[in-house]
Amino acid sequence: MRVRRAPFRLRALRLLAGAALLGAAFSAAAQPSDVAVKAAFLSKFGSYVSWPGASGSGPINLCLVGADPFGRLLDDAVRGQHGGGRPLRLVRMNNADGAGGCHVAFVQGANPAVTGAMLGKLRGKAVLTVTDARAGGPQGMIHFVLHQGRVRFHVDDAGAARSGLSISSRLLGLALSVRQRG
């Protein structure tokens, strides 16, 4: 009994299609998630900001205010990091009441109104506020967005200036857009 094989072209096409699917699956698995990329950015932002009256010797407090979309990813990103030569300390808090001691605060409430209220409590304080477009609503001084499949961010340098912060031109140069100082 003779087994009939598919023509060479059909076998080659099937092989290429399988390789393409396998490659796409591998590529997607090898790419870090957008949450991991945001965690990496958060762990670096403190290196590019100057705070009023900062002595430069104490730790930079990176605070998660409200919801924590990062879990262990941010712990891993912060481990061993230094912000401009200063140790980085991660602090989680449920609300913005104690966030005045933060240098960088990722703010995400249960809904846009809660996020807005938390940002309101930090307005005018020397805290670099960071928000995420995925949560919708109000925006911090740095606001994460997905642009063309990549994690990017907008910077409100005018808002940072009102709070006495100075953001490095190197960080501003990476931003998708910058609201300039007045």
N, C-alpha and C. Protein backbone atom coordinates (compact mmCIF):
# COMPACT_ATOMS: atom_id res chain seq x y z
N MET A 1 0.84 -1.17 0.00
CA MET A 1 0.00 0.00 0.00
C MET A 1 0.89 1.24 0.00
N ARG A 2 0.58 2.13 -0.85
CA ARG A 2 1.39 3.31 -1.02
C ARG A 2 0.72 4.50 -0.33
N VAL A 3 1.48 5.25 0.52
CA VAL A 3 0.96 6.43 1.22
C VAL A 3 1.17 7.63 0.32
N ARG A 4 0.13 8.37 0.14
CA ARG A 4 0.21 9.55 -0.71
C ARG A 4 0.64 10.75 0.12
N ARG A 5 1.68 11.41 -0.29
CA ARG A 5 2.20 12.58 0.43
C ARG A 5 1.72 13.85 -0.25
N ALA A 6 1.61 14.87 0.56
CA ALA A 6 1.22 16.16 0.02
C ALA A 6 2.34 16.68 -0.87
N PRO A 7 2.01 17.44 -1.86
CA PRO A 7 3.04 18.00 -2.73
C PRO A 7 4.05 18.82 -1.92
N PHE A 8 5.26 18.91 -2.45
CA PHE A 8 6.34 19.61 -1.75
C PHE A 8 5.94 21.03 -1.34
N ARG A 9 5.32 21.78 -2.22
CA ARG A 9 4.93 23.17 -1.92
C ARG A 9 4.00 23.23 -0.72
N LEU A 10 3.04 22.33 -0.65
CA LEU A 10 2.09 22.31 0.45
C LEU A 10 2.80 21.96 1.76
N ARG A 11 3.72 20.99 1.71
CA ARG A 11 4.49 20.64 2.92
C ARG A 11 5.34 21.82 3.37
N ALA A 12 5.99 22.51 2.45
CA ALA A 12 6.82 23.66 2.79
C ALA A 12 5.98 24.79 3.39
N LEU A 13 4.80 25.01 2.81
CA LEU A 13 3.90 26.04 3.32
C LEU A 13 3.46 25.73 4.76
N ARG A 14 3.13 24.46 5.00
CA ARG A 14 2.73 24.05 6.35
C ARG A 14 3.88 24.24 7.34
N LEU A 15 5.08 23.89 6.92
CA LEU A 15 6.26 24.04 7.77
C LEU A 15 6.51 25.51 8.09
N LEU A 16 6.43 26.37 7.09
CA LEU A 16 6.63 27.81 7.32
C LEU A 16 5.56 28.39 8.23
N ALA A 17 4.31 27.97 8.03
CA ALA A 17 3.22 28.47 8.88
C ALA A 17 3.43 28.03 10.32
N GLY A 18 3.84 26.79 10.52
CA GLY A 18 4.11 26.30 11.87
C GLY A 18 5.25 27.05 12.52
N ALA A 19 6.31 27.29 11.77
CA ALA A 19 7.45 28.04 12.30
C ALA A 19 7.06 29.46 12.65
N ALA A 20 6.24 30.07 11.82
CA ALA A 20 5.79 31.44 12.09
C ALA A 20 4.97 31.48 13.37
N LEU A 21 4.06 30.54 13.54
CA LEU A 21 3.25 30.50 14.76
C LEU A 21 4.12 30.26 15.99
N LEU A 22 5.06 29.34 15.88
CA LEU A 22 5.96 29.05 16.98
C LEU A 22 6.81 30.28 17.31
N GLY A 23 7.31 30.94 16.27
CA GLY A 23 8.11 32.15 16.48
C GLY A 23 7.32 33.27 17.12
N ALA A 24 6.08 33.44 16.71
CA ALA A 24 5.23 34.48 17.30
C ALA A 24 4.95 34.17 18.75
N ALA A 25 4.69 32.90 19.06
CA ALA A 25 4.43 32.52 20.45
C ALA A 25 5.67 32.74 21.30
N PHE A 26 6.84 32.36 20.78
CA PHE A 26 8.08 32.55 21.51
C PHE A 26 8.37 34.03 21.71
N SER A 27 8.17 34.82 20.66
CA SER A 27 8.43 36.25 20.74
C SER A 27 7.53 36.91 21.78
N ALA A 28 6.26 36.54 21.79
CA ALA A 28 5.33 37.12 22.77
C ALA A 28 5.74 36.74 24.18
N ALA A 29 6.20 35.49 24.36
CA ALA A 29 6.60 35.05 25.69
C ALA A 29 7.89 35.74 26.12
N ALA A 30 8.77 36.06 25.18
CA ALA A 30 10.05 36.66 25.52
C ALA A 30 9.92 38.15 25.82
N GLN A 31 8.87 38.79 25.32
CA GLN A 31 8.67 40.21 25.56
C GLN A 31 8.18 40.44 26.99
N PRO A 32 8.74 41.43 27.69
CA PRO A 32 8.22 41.72 29.03
C PRO A 32 6.81 42.31 28.91
N SER A 33 5.99 42.07 29.91
CA SER A 33 4.64 42.61 29.90
C SER A 33 4.70 44.12 30.08
N ASP A 34 3.63 44.81 29.72
CA ASP A 34 3.61 46.26 29.91
C ASP A 34 3.70 46.61 31.39
N VAL A 35 3.18 45.76 32.26
CA VAL A 35 3.27 46.01 33.71
C VAL A 35 4.73 45.93 34.17
N ALA A 36 5.48 44.97 33.64
CA ALA A 36 6.90 44.85 33.99
C ALA A 36 7.70 46.06 33.50
N VAL A 37 7.36 46.55 32.31
CA VAL A 37 8.05 47.73 31.77
C VAL A 37 7.74 48.96 32.64
N LYS A 38 6.48 49.11 33.03
CA LYS A 38 6.11 50.24 33.90
C LYS A 38 6.84 50.15 35.25
N ALA A 39 6.95 48.94 35.79
CA ALA A 39 7.68 48.76 37.05
C ALA A 39 9.14 49.17 36.89
N ALA A 40 9.74 48.80 35.76
CA ALA A 40 11.13 49.18 35.51
C ALA A 40 11.27 50.70 35.40
N PHE A 41 10.35 51.34 34.69
CA PHE A 41 10.37 52.81 34.60
C PHE A 41 10.25 53.43 35.98
N LEU A 42 9.28 52.97 36.77
CA LEU A 42 9.06 53.53 38.10
C LEU A 42 10.32 53.46 38.96
N SER A 43 11.04 52.36 38.85
CA SER A 43 12.24 52.20 39.66
C SER A 43 13.36 53.14 39.23
N LYS A 44 13.24 53.75 38.05
CA LYS A 44 14.29 54.63 37.53
C LYS A 44 13.94 56.12 37.61
N PHE A 45 12.66 56.46 37.70
CA PHE A 45 12.27 57.88 37.65
C PHE A 45 12.99 58.74 38.69
N GLY A 46 13.20 58.23 39.89
CA GLY A 46 13.84 59.02 40.95
C GLY A 46 15.24 59.48 40.60
N SER A 47 15.90 58.79 39.70
CA SER A 47 17.26 59.17 39.28
C SER A 47 17.26 60.44 38.44
N TYR A 48 16.09 60.83 37.93
CA TYR A 48 16.02 61.94 36.98
C TYR A 48 15.21 63.12 37.51
N VAL A 49 15.03 63.17 38.83
CA VAL A 49 14.25 64.25 39.45
C VAL A 49 15.05 64.84 40.60
N SER A 50 14.96 66.17 40.74
CA SER A 50 15.55 66.86 41.89
C SER A 50 14.42 67.44 42.73
N TRP A 51 14.52 67.24 44.04
CA TRP A 51 13.51 67.74 44.96
C TRP A 51 14.07 68.95 45.70
N PRO A 52 13.21 69.88 46.07
CA PRO A 52 13.69 71.07 46.79
C PRO A 52 14.25 70.69 48.16
N GLY A 53 15.41 71.24 48.48
CA GLY A 53 16.02 71.00 49.79
C GLY A 53 16.49 69.59 50.01
N ALA A 54 16.62 68.78 48.97
CA ALA A 54 17.06 67.39 49.13
C ALA A 54 18.55 67.35 49.45
N SER A 55 18.87 66.63 50.50
CA SER A 55 20.28 66.51 50.90
C SER A 55 21.03 65.52 50.03
N GLY A 56 20.32 64.60 49.43
CA GLY A 56 20.96 63.63 48.55
C GLY A 56 21.53 62.44 49.29
N SER A 57 21.27 62.30 50.60
CA SER A 57 21.86 61.18 51.32
C SER A 57 20.84 60.12 51.71
N GLY A 58 19.60 60.51 52.01
CA GLY A 58 18.59 59.56 52.44
C GLY A 58 17.99 58.79 51.28
N PRO A 59 17.18 57.78 51.60
CA PRO A 59 16.57 56.98 50.53
C PRO A 59 15.51 57.76 49.76
N ILE A 60 15.30 57.34 48.53
CA ILE A 60 14.19 57.85 47.74
C ILE A 60 13.02 56.91 48.00
N ASN A 61 11.92 57.47 48.49
CA ASN A 61 10.73 56.67 48.80
C ASN A 61 9.84 56.60 47.57
N LEU A 62 9.73 55.40 47.01
CA LEU A 62 8.83 55.12 45.90
C LEU A 62 7.59 54.51 46.51
N CYS A 63 6.46 55.21 46.41
CA CYS A 63 5.23 54.77 47.06
C CYS A 63 4.20 54.32 46.05
N LEU A 64 3.51 53.26 46.39
CA LEU A 64 2.32 52.83 45.66
C LEU A 64 1.14 53.27 46.49
N VAL A 65 0.37 54.20 45.97
CA VAL A 65 -0.76 54.76 46.70
C VAL A 65 -2.04 54.22 46.09
N GLY A 66 -2.78 53.45 46.87
CA GLY A 66 -4.01 52.84 46.38
C GLY A 66 -3.75 51.45 45.85
N ALA A 67 -4.33 51.15 44.69
CA ALA A 67 -4.23 49.82 44.09
C ALA A 67 -2.79 49.52 43.66
N ASP A 68 -2.43 48.25 43.73
CA ASP A 68 -1.09 47.81 43.33
C ASP A 68 -1.20 46.87 42.13
N PRO A 69 -1.04 47.39 40.91
CA PRO A 69 -1.13 46.52 39.74
C PRO A 69 0.16 45.74 39.46
N PHE A 70 1.21 45.97 40.25
CA PHE A 70 2.53 45.42 39.95
C PHE A 70 2.85 44.13 40.68
N GLY A 71 2.42 43.99 41.92
CA GLY A 71 2.77 42.82 42.71
C GLY A 71 4.28 42.71 42.86
N ARG A 72 4.80 41.50 42.70
CA ARG A 72 6.23 41.24 42.88
C ARG A 72 7.10 41.89 41.79
N LEU A 73 6.51 42.25 40.66
CA LEU A 73 7.30 42.85 39.58
C LEU A 73 8.01 44.13 40.03
N LEU A 74 7.31 44.95 40.81
CA LEU A 74 7.94 46.19 41.28
C LEU A 74 8.97 45.89 42.37
N ASP A 75 8.67 44.95 43.24
CA ASP A 75 9.67 44.56 44.24
C ASP A 75 10.96 44.12 43.56
N ASP A 76 10.83 43.31 42.52
CA ASP A 76 12.00 42.84 41.79
C ASP A 76 12.73 43.98 41.09
N ALA A 77 11.97 44.92 40.52
CA ALA A 77 12.59 46.05 39.81
C ALA A 77 13.34 46.98 40.77
N VAL A 78 12.82 47.13 41.98
CA VAL A 78 13.41 48.05 42.97
C VAL A 78 14.63 47.43 43.65
N ARG A 79 14.65 46.12 43.79
CA ARG A 79 15.72 45.44 44.53
C ARG A 79 17.08 45.83 43.98
N GLY A 80 17.91 46.39 44.86
CA GLY A 80 19.27 46.76 44.49
C GLY A 80 19.40 48.06 43.72
N GLN A 81 18.29 48.75 43.45
CA GLN A 81 18.34 49.99 42.68
C GLN A 81 18.72 51.17 43.57
N HIS A 82 19.33 52.15 42.94
CA HIS A 82 19.65 53.41 43.59
C HIS A 82 19.19 54.52 42.68
N GLY A 83 18.60 55.55 43.25
CA GLY A 83 18.16 56.71 42.48
C GLY A 83 19.17 57.82 42.61
N GLY A 84 20.00 57.98 41.63
CA GLY A 84 21.01 59.05 41.68
C GLY A 84 21.98 58.84 42.83
N GLY A 85 22.33 57.60 43.12
CA GLY A 85 23.26 57.30 44.21
C GLY A 85 22.57 57.11 45.55
N ARG A 86 21.28 57.33 45.61
CA ARG A 86 20.53 57.15 46.86
C ARG A 86 19.78 55.82 46.81
N PRO A 87 19.70 55.12 47.95
CA PRO A 87 18.95 53.86 47.95
C PRO A 87 17.48 54.11 47.66
N LEU A 88 16.83 53.14 47.07
CA LEU A 88 15.42 53.23 46.72
C LEU A 88 14.62 52.35 47.68
N ARG A 89 13.60 52.92 48.29
CA ARG A 89 12.76 52.18 49.24
C ARG A 89 11.33 52.17 48.73
N LEU A 90 10.73 50.98 48.68
CA LEU A 90 9.36 50.81 48.21
C LEU A 90 8.41 50.80 49.40
N VAL A 91 7.37 51.65 49.31
CA VAL A 91 6.37 51.75 50.38
C VAL A 91 4.99 51.60 49.75
N ARG A 92 4.17 50.73 50.32
CA ARG A 92 2.79 50.55 49.84
C ARG A 92 1.85 51.17 50.87
N MET A 93 0.88 51.94 50.38
CA MET A 93 -0.11 52.56 51.27
C MET A 93 -1.48 52.56 50.61
N ASN A 94 -2.52 52.47 51.42
CA ASN A 94 -3.88 52.39 50.90
C ASN A 94 -4.42 53.71 50.39
N ASN A 95 -3.96 54.82 50.99
CA ASN A 95 -4.47 56.13 50.59
C ASN A 95 -3.35 57.15 50.63
N ALA A 96 -3.67 58.38 50.26
CA ALA A 96 -2.65 59.42 50.13
C ALA A 96 -2.39 60.19 51.42
N ASP A 97 -3.03 59.79 52.51
CA ASP A 97 -2.87 60.55 53.76
C ASP A 97 -1.41 60.63 54.22
N GLY A 98 -0.65 59.58 54.10
CA GLY A 98 0.74 59.60 54.53
C GLY A 98 1.73 59.73 53.40
N ALA A 99 1.26 60.07 52.22
CA ALA A 99 2.12 60.07 51.04
C ALA A 99 2.98 61.32 50.91
N GLY A 100 2.86 62.27 51.84
CA GLY A 100 3.70 63.46 51.79
C GLY A 100 5.18 63.14 51.95
N GLY A 101 5.49 61.98 52.55
CA GLY A 101 6.88 61.56 52.72
C GLY A 101 7.43 60.81 51.52
N CYS A 102 6.65 60.70 50.48
CA CYS A 102 7.08 60.00 49.26
C CYS A 102 7.84 60.96 48.36
N HIS A 103 8.75 60.43 47.60
CA HIS A 103 9.42 61.20 46.56
C HIS A 103 8.73 60.97 45.22
N VAL A 104 8.44 59.68 44.94
CA VAL A 104 7.72 59.28 43.74
C VAL A 104 6.51 58.49 44.20
N ALA A 105 5.32 58.83 43.70
CA ALA A 105 4.10 58.13 44.10
C ALA A 105 3.32 57.68 42.88
N PHE A 106 3.18 56.36 42.72
CA PHE A 106 2.29 55.82 41.71
C PHE A 106 0.91 55.80 42.34
N VAL A 107 -0.03 56.54 41.75
CA VAL A 107 -1.35 56.73 42.34
C VAL A 107 -2.40 56.05 41.47
N GLN A 108 -3.16 55.13 42.08
CA GLN A 108 -4.24 54.46 41.35
C GLN A 108 -5.34 54.11 42.34
N GLY A 109 -6.44 54.82 42.23
CA GLY A 109 -7.59 54.56 43.07
C GLY A 109 -8.48 53.48 42.49
N ALA A 110 -9.53 53.15 43.23
CA ALA A 110 -10.48 52.14 42.78
C ALA A 110 -11.26 52.61 41.55
N ASN A 111 -11.35 53.93 41.37
CA ASN A 111 -12.02 54.51 40.21
C ASN A 111 -11.40 55.89 39.97
N PRO A 112 -11.71 56.53 38.84
CA PRO A 112 -11.11 57.84 38.54
C PRO A 112 -11.37 58.91 39.61
N ALA A 113 -12.53 58.90 40.23
CA ALA A 113 -12.82 59.90 41.26
C ALA A 113 -11.90 59.74 42.47
N VAL A 114 -11.65 58.51 42.86
CA VAL A 114 -10.76 58.24 44.00
C VAL A 114 -9.33 58.63 43.63
N THR A 115 -8.91 58.30 42.41
CA THR A 115 -7.58 58.69 41.96
C THR A 115 -7.44 60.21 41.99
N GLY A 116 -8.45 60.92 41.50
CA GLY A 116 -8.43 62.38 41.51
C GLY A 116 -8.33 62.94 42.92
N ALA A 117 -9.05 62.35 43.86
CA ALA A 117 -8.99 62.81 45.26
C ALA A 117 -7.59 62.58 45.85
N MET A 118 -7.00 61.44 45.54
CA MET A 118 -5.65 61.16 46.05
C MET A 118 -4.63 62.12 45.44
N LEU A 119 -4.75 62.38 44.13
CA LEU A 119 -3.85 63.35 43.49
C LEU A 119 -4.04 64.73 44.10
N GLY A 120 -5.28 65.08 44.43
CA GLY A 120 -5.57 66.37 45.05
C GLY A 120 -4.85 66.54 46.38
N LYS A 121 -4.77 65.47 47.17
CA LYS A 121 -4.06 65.52 48.46
C LYS A 121 -2.56 65.72 48.28
N LEU A 122 -2.04 65.33 47.13
CA LEU A 122 -0.61 65.46 46.88
C LEU A 122 -0.24 66.73 46.13
N ARG A 123 -1.24 67.43 45.60
CA ARG A 123 -0.99 68.64 44.82
C ARG A 123 -0.25 69.67 45.67
N GLY A 124 0.81 70.23 45.13
CA GLY A 124 1.59 71.25 45.83
C GLY A 124 2.69 70.67 46.71
N LYS A 125 2.67 69.37 46.93
CA LYS A 125 3.73 68.73 47.71
C LYS A 125 4.85 68.31 46.74
N ALA A 126 6.05 68.20 47.26
CA ALA A 126 7.20 67.83 46.43
C ALA A 126 7.22 66.31 46.21
N VAL A 127 6.18 65.83 45.53
CA VAL A 127 6.04 64.41 45.22
C VAL A 127 5.79 64.27 43.72
N LEU A 128 6.63 63.48 43.05
CA LEU A 128 6.42 63.21 41.64
C LEU A 128 5.30 62.18 41.53
N THR A 129 4.15 62.59 41.00
CA THR A 129 3.01 61.69 40.90
C THR A 129 3.00 61.01 39.54
N VAL A 130 2.68 59.71 39.54
CA VAL A 130 2.66 58.90 38.33
C VAL A 130 1.32 58.18 38.27
N THR A 131 0.69 58.20 37.10
CA THR A 131 -0.59 57.52 36.90
C THR A 131 -0.51 56.67 35.63
N ASP A 132 -1.58 55.92 35.40
CA ASP A 132 -1.61 55.00 34.27
C ASP A 132 -2.91 55.19 33.50
N ALA A 133 -2.80 55.33 32.19
CA ALA A 133 -3.97 55.53 31.34
C ALA A 133 -4.94 54.35 31.42
N ARG A 134 -4.43 53.16 31.71
CA ARG A 134 -5.31 52.00 31.82
C ARG A 134 -6.37 52.18 32.89
N ALA A 135 -6.04 52.93 33.94
CA ALA A 135 -6.99 53.16 35.02
C ALA A 135 -7.95 54.31 34.67
N GLY A 136 -7.63 55.06 33.62
CA GLY A 136 -8.49 56.17 33.20
C GLY A 136 -8.42 57.33 34.18
N GLY A 137 -9.12 58.39 33.84
CA GLY A 137 -9.27 59.51 34.75
C GLY A 137 -8.08 60.45 34.83
N PRO A 138 -7.92 61.07 36.00
CA PRO A 138 -6.92 62.13 36.20
C PRO A 138 -5.49 61.65 35.94
N GLN A 139 -4.64 62.62 35.63
CA GLN A 139 -3.26 62.31 35.30
C GLN A 139 -2.30 62.94 36.29
N GLY A 140 -1.23 62.19 36.59
CA GLY A 140 -0.15 62.70 37.42
C GLY A 140 0.85 63.47 36.59
N MET A 141 1.96 63.80 37.20
CA MET A 141 3.03 64.52 36.48
C MET A 141 3.63 63.66 35.39
N ILE A 142 3.64 62.35 35.62
CA ILE A 142 4.01 61.38 34.59
C ILE A 142 2.81 60.46 34.42
N HIS A 143 2.43 60.23 33.17
CA HIS A 143 1.23 59.44 32.88
C HIS A 143 1.56 58.39 31.84
N PHE A 144 1.52 57.10 32.27
CA PHE A 144 1.80 55.99 31.36
C PHE A 144 0.69 55.81 30.34
N VAL A 145 1.09 55.51 29.11
CA VAL A 145 0.15 55.16 28.04
C VAL A 145 0.78 54.04 27.21
N LEU A 146 -0.06 53.31 26.49
CA LEU A 146 0.44 52.38 25.49
C LEU A 146 0.32 53.08 24.15
N HIS A 147 1.44 53.22 23.45
CA HIS A 147 1.48 53.91 22.17
C HIS A 147 2.16 53.00 21.17
N GLN A 148 1.41 52.61 20.14
CA GLN A 148 1.92 51.71 19.11
C GLN A 148 2.50 50.43 19.72
N GLY A 149 1.79 49.90 20.72
CA GLY A 149 2.17 48.65 21.35
C GLY A 149 3.32 48.74 22.34
N ARG A 150 3.77 49.95 22.65
CA ARG A 150 4.88 50.13 23.59
C ARG A 150 4.46 51.01 24.75
N VAL A 151 5.05 50.77 25.91
CA VAL A 151 4.79 51.62 27.07
C VAL A 151 5.55 52.92 26.88
N ARG A 152 4.82 54.00 26.91
CA ARG A 152 5.40 55.34 26.81
C ARG A 152 4.79 56.19 27.93
N PHE A 153 5.15 57.44 28.00
CA PHE A 153 4.58 58.30 29.03
C PHE A 153 4.58 59.75 28.58
N HIS A 154 3.64 60.50 29.16
CA HIS A 154 3.55 61.94 28.98
C HIS A 154 4.08 62.56 30.27
N VAL A 155 4.67 63.76 30.18
CA VAL A 155 5.18 64.45 31.36
C VAL A 155 4.55 65.83 31.45
N ASP A 156 4.06 66.15 32.65
CA ASP A 156 3.55 67.49 32.96
C ASP A 156 4.66 68.21 33.74
N ASP A 157 5.60 68.80 33.01
CA ASP A 157 6.72 69.49 33.64
C ASP A 157 6.25 70.76 34.35
N ALA A 158 5.19 71.38 33.84
CA ALA A 158 4.63 72.56 34.49
C ALA A 158 4.09 72.19 35.87
N GLY A 159 3.39 71.06 35.97
CA GLY A 159 2.89 70.60 37.27
C GLY A 159 4.02 70.26 38.22
N ALA A 160 5.08 69.66 37.70
CA ALA A 160 6.23 69.33 38.53
C ALA A 160 6.87 70.62 39.07
N ALA A 161 6.97 71.64 38.22
CA ALA A 161 7.56 72.91 38.64
C ALA A 161 6.72 73.56 39.74
N ARG A 162 5.39 73.48 39.63
CA ARG A 162 4.52 74.04 40.68
C ARG A 162 4.75 73.36 42.02
N SER A 163 5.21 72.12 41.99
CA SER A 163 5.50 71.39 43.23
C SER A 163 6.96 71.48 43.63
N GLY A 164 7.73 72.29 42.92
CA GLY A 164 9.14 72.51 43.26
C GLY A 164 10.08 71.44 42.74
N LEU A 165 9.61 70.59 41.84
CA LEU A 165 10.44 69.52 41.30
C LEU A 165 11.10 69.94 40.00
N SER A 166 12.28 69.41 39.77
CA SER A 166 12.98 69.64 38.52
C SER A 166 13.23 68.28 37.87
N ILE A 167 12.68 68.09 36.67
CA ILE A 167 12.83 66.83 35.95
C ILE A 167 13.95 66.99 34.92
N SER A 168 14.87 66.04 34.90
CA SER A 168 16.01 66.08 34.00
C SER A 168 15.57 66.11 32.54
N SER A 169 16.32 66.82 31.74
CA SER A 169 16.04 66.87 30.30
C SER A 169 16.20 65.50 29.66
N ARG A 170 17.00 64.63 30.28
CA ARG A 170 17.15 63.26 29.75
C ARG A 170 15.84 62.50 29.86
N LEU A 171 15.11 62.67 30.96
CA LEU A 171 13.81 62.01 31.11
C LEU A 171 12.78 62.68 30.23
N LEU A 172 12.80 64.01 30.16
CA LEU A 172 11.86 64.73 29.31
C LEU A 172 12.04 64.31 27.84
N GLY A 173 13.27 64.03 27.45
CA GLY A 173 13.54 63.62 26.08
C GLY A 173 12.96 62.25 25.73
N LEU A 174 12.68 61.43 26.71
CA LEU A 174 12.08 60.11 26.47
C LEU A 174 10.56 60.16 26.40
N ALA A 175 9.99 61.28 26.84
CA ALA A 175 8.53 61.39 26.93
C ALA A 175 7.89 61.49 25.55
N LEU A 176 6.68 60.97 25.46
CA LEU A 176 5.88 61.07 24.24
C LEU A 176 5.47 62.52 24.02
N SER A 177 5.17 63.23 25.11
CA SER A 177 4.87 64.65 25.05
C SER A 177 5.24 65.27 26.39
N VAL A 178 5.49 66.59 26.37
CA VAL A 178 5.84 67.32 27.60
C VAL A 178 5.02 68.59 27.66
N ARG A 179 4.31 68.79 28.78
CA ARG A 179 3.65 70.07 29.02
C ARG A 179 4.73 70.96 29.65
N GLN A 180 5.13 71.97 28.89
CA GLN A 180 6.27 72.81 29.27
C GLN A 180 5.96 73.70 30.46
N ARG A 181 7.01 74.09 31.15
CA ARG A 181 6.90 75.06 32.26
C ARG A 181 6.45 76.39 31.69
N GLY A 182 5.69 77.13 32.48
CA GLY A 182 5.02 78.33 32.05
C GLY A 182 5.80 79.50 31.71
